[in-house]
Amino acid sequence: MGHPYGDRVNETLTLIAAELAANAVRHGHVAGRDFHVRLTHGTAAVRVEVSDTRTERVPVLTDAEAPGDAESGRGLLIVAGLATRWGVTPRDGAPGRTVWAELRLA
């Protein structure tokens, strides 16, 4: 079952995936290694996972907003506002972490 362009689920998940991928590029980059994106669709929710190989820096779950003139620092606040739930887990089978977000379908 797909979600057409313009649909709430499609647009919201696109924003979440873009933000998590941008964070992996900016904060999780290790020379010579890529990041991995995984989308799964269940009956109740859609989940996006973005894994990278960085281990020493883990995103912080916070409600604090970046200063008004800061050029970055709001991405995970956007994810938190759009997703039903999100979090960070160690990467399975490789060094690094996975940042994931779920969007309820109902």
Protein backbone atom coordinates (compact mmCIF):
# COMPACT_ATOMS: atom_id res chain seq x y z
CA MET A 1 0.00 0.00 0.00
CA GLY A 2 1.53 3.29 -1.10
CA HIS A 3 0.98 6.88 -0.13
CA PRO A 4 0.57 9.22 -3.11
CA TYR A 5 2.51 12.45 -3.53
CA GLY A 6 0.73 15.22 -1.69
CA ASP A 7 -0.64 12.79 0.90
CA ARG A 8 0.02 13.72 4.56
CA VAL A 9 1.96 10.53 5.24
CA ASN A 10 4.14 10.92 2.13
CA GLU A 11 4.95 14.57 2.76
CA THR A 12 5.61 14.12 6.48
CA LEU A 13 7.78 11.05 6.03
CA THR A 14 9.71 12.80 3.25
CA LEU A 15 10.52 15.70 5.60
CA ILE A 16 11.55 13.36 8.41
CA ALA A 17 13.74 11.20 6.13
CA ALA A 18 15.38 14.28 4.60
CA GLU A 19 16.22 15.72 8.00
CA LEU A 20 17.64 12.45 9.35
CA ALA A 21 19.69 11.91 6.17
CA ALA A 22 21.01 15.48 6.30
CA ASN A 23 22.03 14.94 9.93
CA ALA A 24 23.84 11.72 8.99
CA VAL A 25 25.76 13.57 6.28
CA ARG A 26 26.61 16.51 8.51
CA HIS A 27 27.17 14.89 11.89
CA GLY A 28 27.70 11.19 11.19
CA HIS A 29 30.11 11.28 8.27
CA VAL A 30 33.24 9.15 8.50
CA ALA A 31 35.59 9.34 5.50
CA GLY A 32 35.17 6.36 3.18
CA ARG A 33 31.89 5.21 4.75
CA ASP A 34 28.30 5.83 3.74
CA PHE A 35 25.09 6.02 5.72
CA HIS A 36 22.12 3.67 5.33
CA VAL A 37 18.42 4.57 5.02
CA ARG A 38 15.69 2.02 5.67
CA LEU A 39 11.94 2.51 5.32
CA THR A 40 9.46 -0.01 6.68
CA HIS A 41 5.69 0.04 6.38
CA GLY A 42 3.54 -1.70 8.96
CA THR A 43 -0.20 -1.76 9.40
CA ALA A 44 -0.17 0.98 12.04
CA ALA A 45 2.95 3.03 11.28
CA VAL A 46 5.70 3.85 8.82
CA ARG A 47 9.27 3.87 10.13
CA VAL A 48 12.42 5.48 8.73
CA GLU A 49 15.84 4.54 10.06
CA VAL A 50 19.09 6.30 9.19
CA SER A 51 22.29 4.59 10.30
CA ASP A 52 25.83 5.95 10.20
CA THR A 53 29.18 4.75 11.54
CA ARG A 54 29.84 7.54 14.04
CA THR A 55 29.93 6.20 17.59
CA GLU A 56 31.24 9.03 19.74
CA ARG A 57 28.40 11.51 19.14
CA VAL A 58 24.80 10.55 19.84
CA PRO A 59 21.88 12.92 19.13
CA VAL A 60 20.37 14.32 22.30
CA LEU A 61 16.66 14.01 22.96
CA THR A 62 15.83 17.58 24.03
CA ASP A 63 13.13 20.22 23.78
CA ALA A 64 15.66 23.06 23.79
CA GLU A 65 15.62 25.19 20.66
CA ALA A 66 18.72 26.63 19.04
CA PRO A 67 19.29 30.39 19.46
CA GLY A 68 17.20 32.52 17.09
CA ASP A 69 20.13 33.45 14.86
CA ALA A 70 21.71 29.96 14.71
CA GLU A 71 21.98 28.44 11.24
CA SER A 72 21.43 24.90 12.51
CA GLY A 73 20.23 22.98 15.54
CA ARG A 74 16.51 22.67 14.83
CA GLY A 75 16.41 19.47 12.80
CA LEU A 76 15.61 17.02 15.56
CA LEU A 77 13.01 19.43 16.93
CA ILE A 78 11.34 19.24 13.52
CA VAL A 79 11.56 15.44 13.59
CA ALA A 80 10.13 15.36 17.13
CA GLY A 81 7.27 17.64 16.07
CA LEU A 82 6.37 15.58 13.00
CA ALA A 83 6.99 12.01 14.16
CA THR A 84 4.75 10.03 16.45
CA ARG A 85 7.91 8.90 18.23
CA TRP A 86 11.64 8.80 17.54
CA GLY A 87 14.88 7.73 19.15
CA VAL A 88 18.48 6.58 18.82
CA THR A 89 19.78 3.01 19.09
CA PRO A 90 23.15 1.34 18.53
CA ARG A 91 23.59 0.15 14.94
CA ASP A 92 22.97 -3.57 14.41
CA GLY A 93 25.93 -5.57 13.12
CA ALA A 94 28.26 -2.60 12.61
CA PRO A 95 29.77 0.30 14.54
CA GLY A 96 27.64 3.40 14.79
CA ARG A 97 24.11 4.43 15.60
CA THR A 98 20.66 4.41 14.07
CA VAL A 99 18.33 7.37 14.42
CA TRP A 100 14.76 6.30 13.76
CA ALA A 101 11.35 7.92 13.57
CA GLU A 102 7.85 6.48 13.31
CA LEU A 103 4.75 8.05 11.89
CA ARG A 104 1.37 6.62 12.91
CA LEU A 105 -0.91 6.01 9.95
CA ALA A 106 -4.28 6.50 11.62
